[in-house]
Amino acid sequence: MTNPIIKIVNVTTGEEIERQMNSKELKTYEAEQLIRQNLAAEQTAKEEARSAAEAKLIELGLTTEDLKALLG
């Protein structure tokens, strides 16, 4: 398997170099990807929990206006 390509740009000269990531860069990249996935999963879980809570409150008879006043 080949490593992902990294692009390095020298802003002073405009020189661009594309090469495969070295092992350290690849480990950092993979760790950052894992963090992004975890953050996205946490955000999705929060949104689903909020939607479920709102649905339960509506089932109890609260109106949309009541929910806005409660949840902002």
PDB file of N, CA and C in Angstrom:
ATOM      1  N   MET A   1       0.839  -1.177   0.000  1.00  0.00           N
ATOM      2  CA  MET A   1       0.000   0.000   0.000  1.00  0.00           C
ATOM      3  C   MET A   1       0.885   1.242   0.000  1.00  0.00           C
ATOM      4  N   THR A   2       0.539   2.193  -0.821  1.00  0.00           N
ATOM      5  CA  THR A   2       1.315   3.427  -0.850  1.00  0.00           C
ATOM      6  C   THR A   2       0.709   4.426   0.124  1.00  0.00           C
ATOM      7  N   ASN A   3       1.548   5.261   0.653  1.00  0.00           N
ATOM      8  CA  ASN A   3       1.103   6.298   1.579  1.00  0.00           C
ATOM      9  C   ASN A   3       0.423   7.417   0.809  1.00  0.00           C
ATOM     10  N   PRO A   4      -0.468   8.164   1.476  1.00  0.00           N
ATOM     11  CA  PRO A   4      -1.091   9.317   0.817  1.00  0.00           C
ATOM     12  C   PRO A   4      -0.041  10.340   0.380  1.00  0.00           C
ATOM     13  N   ILE A   5      -0.423  11.128  -0.589  1.00  0.00           N
ATOM     14  CA  ILE A   5       0.468  12.161  -1.125  1.00  0.00           C
ATOM     15  C   ILE A   5       0.331  13.427  -0.284  1.00  0.00           C
ATOM     16  N   ILE A   6       1.466  14.052  -0.016  1.00  0.00           N
ATOM     17  CA  ILE A   6       1.500  15.328   0.693  1.00  0.00           C
ATOM     18  C   ILE A   6       2.053  16.369  -0.279  1.00  0.00           C
ATOM     19  N   LYS A   7       1.503  17.572  -0.218  1.00  0.00           N
ATOM     20  CA  LYS A   7       1.959  18.653  -1.086  1.00  0.00           C
ATOM     21  C   LYS A   7       2.578  19.733  -0.217  1.00  0.00           C
ATOM     22  N   ILE A   8       3.796  20.103  -0.539  1.00  0.00           N
ATOM     23  CA  ILE A   8       4.528  21.131   0.187  1.00  0.00           C
ATOM     24  C   ILE A   8       4.725  22.311  -0.758  1.00  0.00           C
ATOM     25  N   VAL A   9       4.296  23.493  -0.311  1.00  0.00           N
ATOM     26  CA  VAL A   9       4.401  24.686  -1.149  1.00  0.00           C
ATOM     27  C   VAL A   9       5.278  25.707  -0.444  1.00  0.00           C
ATOM     28  N   ASN A  10       6.332  26.156  -1.127  1.00  0.00           N
ATOM     29  CA  ASN A  10       7.169  27.234  -0.639  1.00  0.00           C
ATOM     30  C   ASN A  10       6.513  28.531  -1.098  1.00  0.00           C
ATOM     31  N   VAL A  11       5.918  29.267  -0.149  1.00  0.00           N
ATOM     32  CA  VAL A  11       5.169  30.463  -0.524  1.00  0.00           C
ATOM     33  C   VAL A  11       6.065  31.583  -1.042  1.00  0.00           C
ATOM     34  N   THR A  12       7.329  31.550  -0.710  1.00  0.00           N
ATOM     35  CA  THR A  12       8.243  32.583  -1.178  1.00  0.00           C
ATOM     36  C   THR A  12       8.581  32.379  -2.647  1.00  0.00           C
ATOM     37  N   THR A  13       8.904  31.148  -3.011  1.00  0.00           N
ATOM     38  CA  THR A  13       9.337  30.868  -4.379  1.00  0.00           C
ATOM     39  C   THR A  13       8.223  30.309  -5.258  1.00  0.00           C
ATOM     40  N   GLY A  14       7.132  29.830  -4.621  1.00  0.00           N
ATOM     41  CA  GLY A  14       6.050  29.211  -5.381  1.00  0.00           C
ATOM     42  C   GLY A  14       6.343  27.772  -5.761  1.00  0.00           C
ATOM     43  N   GLU A  15       7.490  27.250  -5.332  1.00  0.00           N
ATOM     44  CA  GLU A  15       7.858  25.871  -5.653  1.00  0.00           C
ATOM     45  C   GLU A  15       6.910  24.903  -4.940  1.00  0.00           C
ATOM     46  N   GLU A  16       6.437  23.903  -5.689  1.00  0.00           N
ATOM     47  CA  GLU A  16       5.543  22.891  -5.133  1.00  0.00           C
ATOM     48  C   GLU A  16       6.199  21.522  -5.246  1.00  0.00           C
ATOM     49  N   ILE A  17       6.135  20.779  -4.169  1.00  0.00           N
ATOM     50  CA  ILE A  17       6.688  19.426  -4.149  1.00  0.00           C
ATOM     51  C   ILE A  17       5.577  18.490  -3.691  1.00  0.00           C
ATOM     52  N   GLU A  18       5.343  17.415  -4.443  1.00  0.00           N
ATOM     53  CA  GLU A  18       4.402  16.389  -4.039  1.00  0.00           C
ATOM     54  C   GLU A  18       5.180  15.100  -3.817  1.00  0.00           C
ATOM     55  N   ARG A  19       4.898  14.460  -2.677  1.00  0.00           N
ATOM     56  CA  ARG A  19       5.583  13.213  -2.357  1.00  0.00           C
ATOM     57  C   ARG A  19       4.707  12.404  -1.424  1.00  0.00           C
ATOM     58  N   GLN A  20       5.083  11.154  -1.236  1.00  0.00           N
ATOM     59  CA  GLN A  20       4.351  10.324  -0.288  1.00  0.00           C
ATOM     60  C   GLN A  20       4.701  10.743   1.133  1.00  0.00           C
ATOM     61  N   MET A  21       3.725  10.615   2.035  1.00  0.00           N
ATOM     62  CA  MET A  21       3.978  10.912   3.444  1.00  0.00           C
ATOM     63  C   MET A  21       4.986   9.916   3.997  1.00  0.00           C
ATOM     64  N   ASN A  22       5.864  10.424   4.874  1.00  0.00           N
ATOM     65  CA  ASN A  22       6.753   9.495   5.555  1.00  0.00           C
ATOM     66  C   ASN A  22       5.983   8.859   6.714  1.00  0.00           C
ATOM     67  N   SER A  23       6.589   7.931   7.421  1.00  0.00           N
ATOM     68  CA  SER A  23       5.876   7.176   8.454  1.00  0.00           C
ATOM     69  C   SER A  23       5.378   8.071   9.590  1.00  0.00           C
ATOM     70  N   LYS A  24       6.151   9.073   9.979  1.00  0.00           N
ATOM     71  CA  LYS A  24       5.732   9.978  11.051  1.00  0.00           C
ATOM     72  C   LYS A  24       4.535  10.810  10.610  1.00  0.00           C
ATOM     73  N   GLU A  25       4.588  11.347   9.392  1.00  0.00           N
ATOM     74  CA  GLU A  25       3.470  12.128   8.863  1.00  0.00           C
ATOM     75  C   GLU A  25       2.217  11.269   8.734  1.00  0.00           C
ATOM     76  N   LEU A  26       2.395  10.029   8.317  1.00  0.00           N
ATOM     77  CA  LEU A  26       1.267   9.120   8.157  1.00  0.00           C
ATOM     78  C   LEU A  26       0.612   8.821   9.502  1.00  0.00           C
ATOM     79  N   LYS A  27       1.410   8.599  10.539  1.00  0.00           N
ATOM     80  CA  LYS A  27       0.857   8.352  11.872  1.00  0.00           C
ATOM     81  C   LYS A  27       0.079   9.566  12.372  1.00  0.00           C
ATOM     82  N   THR A  28       0.619  10.750  12.156  1.00  0.00           N
ATOM     83  CA  THR A  28      -0.067  11.982  12.555  1.00  0.00           C
ATOM     84  C   THR A  28      -1.372  12.129  11.784  1.00  0.00           C
ATOM     85  N   TYR A  29      -1.325  11.886  10.487  1.00  0.00           N
ATOM     86  CA  TYR A  29      -2.508  11.977   9.631  1.00  0.00           C
ATOM     87  C   TYR A  29      -3.589  11.004  10.103  1.00  0.00           C
ATOM     88  N   GLU A  30      -3.197   9.772  10.373  1.00  0.00           N
ATOM     89  CA  GLU A  30      -4.160   8.762  10.820  1.00  0.00           C
ATOM     90  C   GLU A  30      -4.755   9.124  12.177  1.00  0.00           C
ATOM     91  N   ALA A  31      -3.937   9.656  13.079  1.00  0.00           N
ATOM     92  CA  ALA A  31      -4.431  10.072  14.396  1.00  0.00           C
ATOM     93  C   ALA A  31      -5.435  11.218  14.251  1.00  0.00           C
ATOM     94  N   GLU A  32      -5.137  12.166  13.380  1.00  0.00           N
ATOM     95  CA  GLU A  32      -6.050  13.288  13.150  1.00  0.00           C
ATOM     96  C   GLU A  32      -7.358  12.812  12.523  1.00  0.00           C
ATOM     97  N   GLN A  33      -7.278  11.851  11.617  1.00  0.00           N
ATOM     98  CA  GLN A  33      -8.489  11.296  11.011  1.00  0.00           C
ATOM     99  C   GLN A  33      -9.359  10.620  12.066  1.00  0.00           C
ATOM    100  N   LEU A  34      -8.739   9.885  12.981  1.00  0.00           N
ATOM    101  CA  LEU A  34      -9.463   9.215  14.046  1.00  0.00           C
ATOM    102  C   LEU A  34     -10.145  10.232  14.965  1.00  0.00           C
ATOM    103  N   ILE A  35      -9.439  11.302  15.286  1.00  0.00           N
ATOM    104  CA  ILE A  35     -10.019  12.367  16.116  1.00  0.00           C
ATOM    105  C   ILE A  35     -11.230  12.982  15.411  1.00  0.00           C
ATOM    106  N   ARG A  36     -11.101  13.266  14.107  1.00  0.00           N
ATOM    107  CA  ARG A  36     -12.218  13.839  13.348  1.00  0.00           C
ATOM    108  C   ARG A  36     -13.421  12.899  13.335  1.00  0.00           C
ATOM    109  N   GLN A  37     -13.162  11.599  13.154  1.00  0.00           N
ATOM    110  CA  GLN A  37     -14.251  10.616  13.146  1.00  0.00           C
ATOM    111  C   GLN A  37     -14.944  10.569  14.505  1.00  0.00           C
ATOM    112  N   ASN A  38     -14.167  10.587  15.570  1.00  0.00           N
ATOM    113  CA  ASN A  38     -14.735  10.559  16.917  1.00  0.00           C
ATOM    114  C   ASN A  38     -15.560  11.805  17.203  1.00  0.00           C
ATOM    115  N   LEU A  39     -15.061  12.964  16.792  1.00  0.00           N
ATOM    116  CA  LEU A  39     -15.808  14.204  16.984  1.00  0.00           C
ATOM    117  C   LEU A  39     -17.120  14.195  16.194  1.00  0.00           C
ATOM    118  N   ALA A  40     -17.064  13.686  14.973  1.00  0.00           N
ATOM    119  CA  ALA A  40     -18.275  13.604  14.156  1.00  0.00           C
ATOM    120  C   ALA A  40     -19.283  12.644  14.776  1.00  0.00           C
ATOM    121  N   ALA A  41     -18.806  11.518  15.304  1.00  0.00           N
ATOM    122  CA  ALA A  41     -19.691  10.551  15.950  1.00  0.00           C
ATOM    123  C   ALA A  41     -20.314  11.145  17.209  1.00  0.00           C
ATOM    124  N   GLU A  42     -19.531  11.874  17.987  1.00  0.00           N
ATOM    125  CA  GLU A  42     -20.054  12.531  19.187  1.00  0.00           C
ATOM    126  C   GLU A  42     -21.120  13.558  18.823  1.00  0.00           C
ATOM    127  N   GLN A  43     -20.870  14.348  17.788  1.00  0.00           N
ATOM    128  CA  GLN A  43     -21.824  15.362  17.351  1.00  0.00           C
ATOM    129  C   GLN A  43     -23.121  14.700  16.887  1.00  0.00           C
ATOM    130  N   THR A  44     -23.007  13.624  16.132  1.00  0.00           N
ATOM    131  CA  THR A  44     -24.186  12.908  15.661  1.00  0.00           C
ATOM    132  C   THR A  44     -24.980  12.352  16.837  1.00  0.00           C
ATOM    133  N   ALA A  45     -24.286  11.785  17.811  1.00  0.00           N
ATOM    134  CA  ALA A  45     -24.957  11.237  18.988  1.00  0.00           C
ATOM    135  C   ALA A  45     -25.687  12.329  19.761  1.00  0.00           C
ATOM    136  N   LYS A  46     -25.061  13.490  19.901  1.00  0.00           N
ATOM    137  CA  LYS A  46     -25.711  14.609  20.592  1.00  0.00           C
ATOM    138  C   LYS A  46     -26.963  15.064  19.849  1.00  0.00           C
ATOM    139  N   GLU A  47     -26.865  15.173  18.530  1.00  0.00           N
ATOM    140  CA  GLU A  47     -28.010  15.602  17.734  1.00  0.00           C
ATOM    141  C   GLU A  47     -29.153  14.589  17.822  1.00  0.00           C
ATOM    142  N   GLU A  48     -28.814  13.298  17.787  1.00  0.00           N
ATOM    143  CA  GLU A  48     -29.841  12.262  17.891  1.00  0.00           C
ATOM    144  C   GLU A  48     -30.493  12.279  19.270  1.00  0.00           C
ATOM    145  N   ALA A  49     -29.699  12.481  20.317  1.00  0.00           N
ATOM    146  CA  ALA A  49     -30.243  12.535  21.672  1.00  0.00           C
ATOM    147  C   ALA A  49     -31.163  13.744  21.829  1.00  0.00           C
ATOM    148  N   ARG A  50     -30.752  14.864  21.263  1.00  0.00           N
ATOM    149  CA  ARG A  50     -31.588  16.071  21.337  1.00  0.00           C
ATOM    150  C   ARG A  50     -32.908  15.855  20.603  1.00  0.00           C
ATOM    151  N   SER A  51     -32.847  15.270  19.417  1.00  0.00           N
ATOM    152  CA  SER A  51     -34.059  15.008  18.650  1.00  0.00           C
ATOM    153  C   SER A  51     -34.981  14.056  19.394  1.00  0.00           C
ATOM    154  N   ALA A  52     -34.414  13.026  20.008  1.00  0.00           N
ATOM    155  CA  ALA A  52     -35.217  12.067  20.774  1.00  0.00           C
ATOM    156  C   ALA A  52     -35.870  12.749  21.969  1.00  0.00           C
ATOM    157  N   ALA A  53     -35.122  13.598  22.645  1.00  0.00           N
ATOM    158  CA  ALA A  53     -35.670  14.316  23.803  1.00  0.00           C
ATOM    159  C   ALA A  53     -36.794  15.255  23.372  1.00  0.00           C
ATOM    160  N   GLU A  54     -36.591  15.957  22.258  1.00  0.00           N
ATOM    161  CA  GLU A  54     -37.622  16.850  21.755  1.00  0.00           C
ATOM    162  C   GLU A  54     -38.882  16.068  21.384  1.00  0.00           C
ATOM    163  N   ALA A  55     -38.711  14.900  20.760  1.00  0.00           N
ATOM    164  CA  ALA A  55     -39.857  14.074  20.386  1.00  0.00           C
ATOM    165  C   ALA A  55     -40.624  13.617  21.623  1.00  0.00           C
ATOM    166  N   LYS A  56     -39.911  13.251  22.675  1.00  0.00           N
ATOM    167  CA  LYS A  56     -40.570  12.839  23.915  1.00  0.00           C
ATOM    168  C   LYS A  56     -41.344  13.992  24.538  1.00  0.00           C
ATOM    169  N   LEU A  57     -40.767  15.182  24.510  1.00  0.00           N
ATOM    170  CA  LEU A  57     -41.456  16.347  25.059  1.00  0.00           C
ATOM    171  C   LEU A  57     -42.708  16.674  24.263  1.00  0.00           C
ATOM    172  N   ILE A  58     -42.638  16.517  22.955  1.00  0.00           N
ATOM    173  CA  ILE A  58     -43.808  16.764  22.108  1.00  0.00           C
ATOM    174  C   ILE A  58     -44.898  15.737  22.430  1.00  0.00           C
ATOM    175  N   GLU A  59     -44.487  14.470  22.653  1.00  0.00           N
ATOM    176  CA  GLU A  59     -45.445  13.428  23.021  1.00  0.00           C
ATOM    177  C   GLU A  59     -46.141  13.758  24.339  1.00  0.00           C
ATOM    178  N   LEU A  60     -45.443  14.479  25.217  1.00  0.00           N
ATOM    179  CA  LEU A  60     -46.032  14.862  26.500  1.00  0.00           C
ATOM    180  C   LEU A  60     -46.972  16.065  26.383  1.00  0.00           C
ATOM    181  N   GLY A  61     -47.038  16.634  25.171  1.00  0.00           N
ATOM    182  CA  GLY A  61     -47.982  17.712  24.950  1.00  0.00           C
ATOM    183  C   GLY A  61     -47.378  19.093  24.830  1.00  0.00           C
ATOM    184  N   LEU A  62     -46.076  19.192  24.853  1.00  0.00           N
ATOM    185  CA  LEU A  62     -45.461  20.506  24.697  1.00  0.00           C
ATOM    186  C   LEU A  62     -45.570  20.949  23.237  1.00  0.00           C
ATOM    187  N   THR A  63     -45.730  22.234  23.034  1.00  0.00           N
ATOM    188  CA  THR A  63     -45.816  22.799  21.691  1.00  0.00           C
ATOM    189  C   THR A  63     -44.414  23.197  21.213  1.00  0.00           C
ATOM    190  N   THR A  64     -44.343  23.555  19.933  1.00  0.00           N
ATOM    191  CA  THR A  64     -43.083  24.026  19.371  1.00  0.00           C
ATOM    192  C   THR A  64     -42.600  25.273  20.112  1.00  0.00           C
ATOM    193  N   GLU A  65     -43.523  26.128  20.485  1.00  0.00           N
ATOM    194  CA  GLU A  65     -43.181  27.352  21.218  1.00  0.00           C
ATOM    195  C   GLU A  65     -42.617  27.012  22.594  1.00  0.00           C
ATOM    196  N   ASP A  66     -43.232  25.999  23.234  1.00  0.00           N
ATOM    197  CA  ASP A  66     -42.728  25.554  24.544  1.00  0.00           C
ATOM    198  C   ASP A  66     -41.296  25.032  24.423  1.00  0.00           C
ATOM    199  N   LEU A  67     -41.042  24.255  23.388  1.00  0.00           N
ATOM    200  CA  LEU A  67     -39.696  23.714  23.179  1.00  0.00           C
ATOM    201  C   LEU A  67     -38.691  24.831  22.920  1.00  0.00           C
ATOM    202  N   LYS A  68     -39.092  25.833  22.139  1.00  0.00           N
ATOM    203  CA  LYS A  68     -38.189  26.955  21.879  1.00  0.00           C
ATOM    204  C   LYS A  68     -37.865  27.697  23.170  1.00  0.00           C
ATOM    205  N   ALA A  69     -38.862  27.859  24.013  1.00  0.00           N
ATOM    206  CA  ALA A  69     -38.636  28.558  25.291  1.00  0.00           C
ATOM    207  C   ALA A  69     -37.745  27.734  26.201  1.00  0.00           C
ATOM    208  N   LEU A  70     -37.915  26.420  26.175  1.00  0.00           N
ATOM    209  CA  LEU A  70     -37.115  25.539  27.026  1.00  0.00           C
ATOM    210  C   LEU A  70     -35.683  25.392  26.538  1.00  0.00           C
ATOM    211  N   LEU A  71     -35.549  25.131  25.231  1.00  0.00           N
ATOM    212  CA  LEU A  71     -34.249  24.749  24.684  1.00  0.00           C
ATOM    213  C   LEU A  71     -33.512  25.893  23.998  1.00  0.00           C
ATOM    214  N   GLY A  72     -34.193  26.941  23.690  1.00  0.00           N
ATOM    215  CA  GLY A  72     -33.529  28.068  23.045  1.00  0.00           C
ATOM    216  C   GLY A  72     -33.309  27.922  21.594  1.00  0.00           C
TER     217      GLY A  72
END
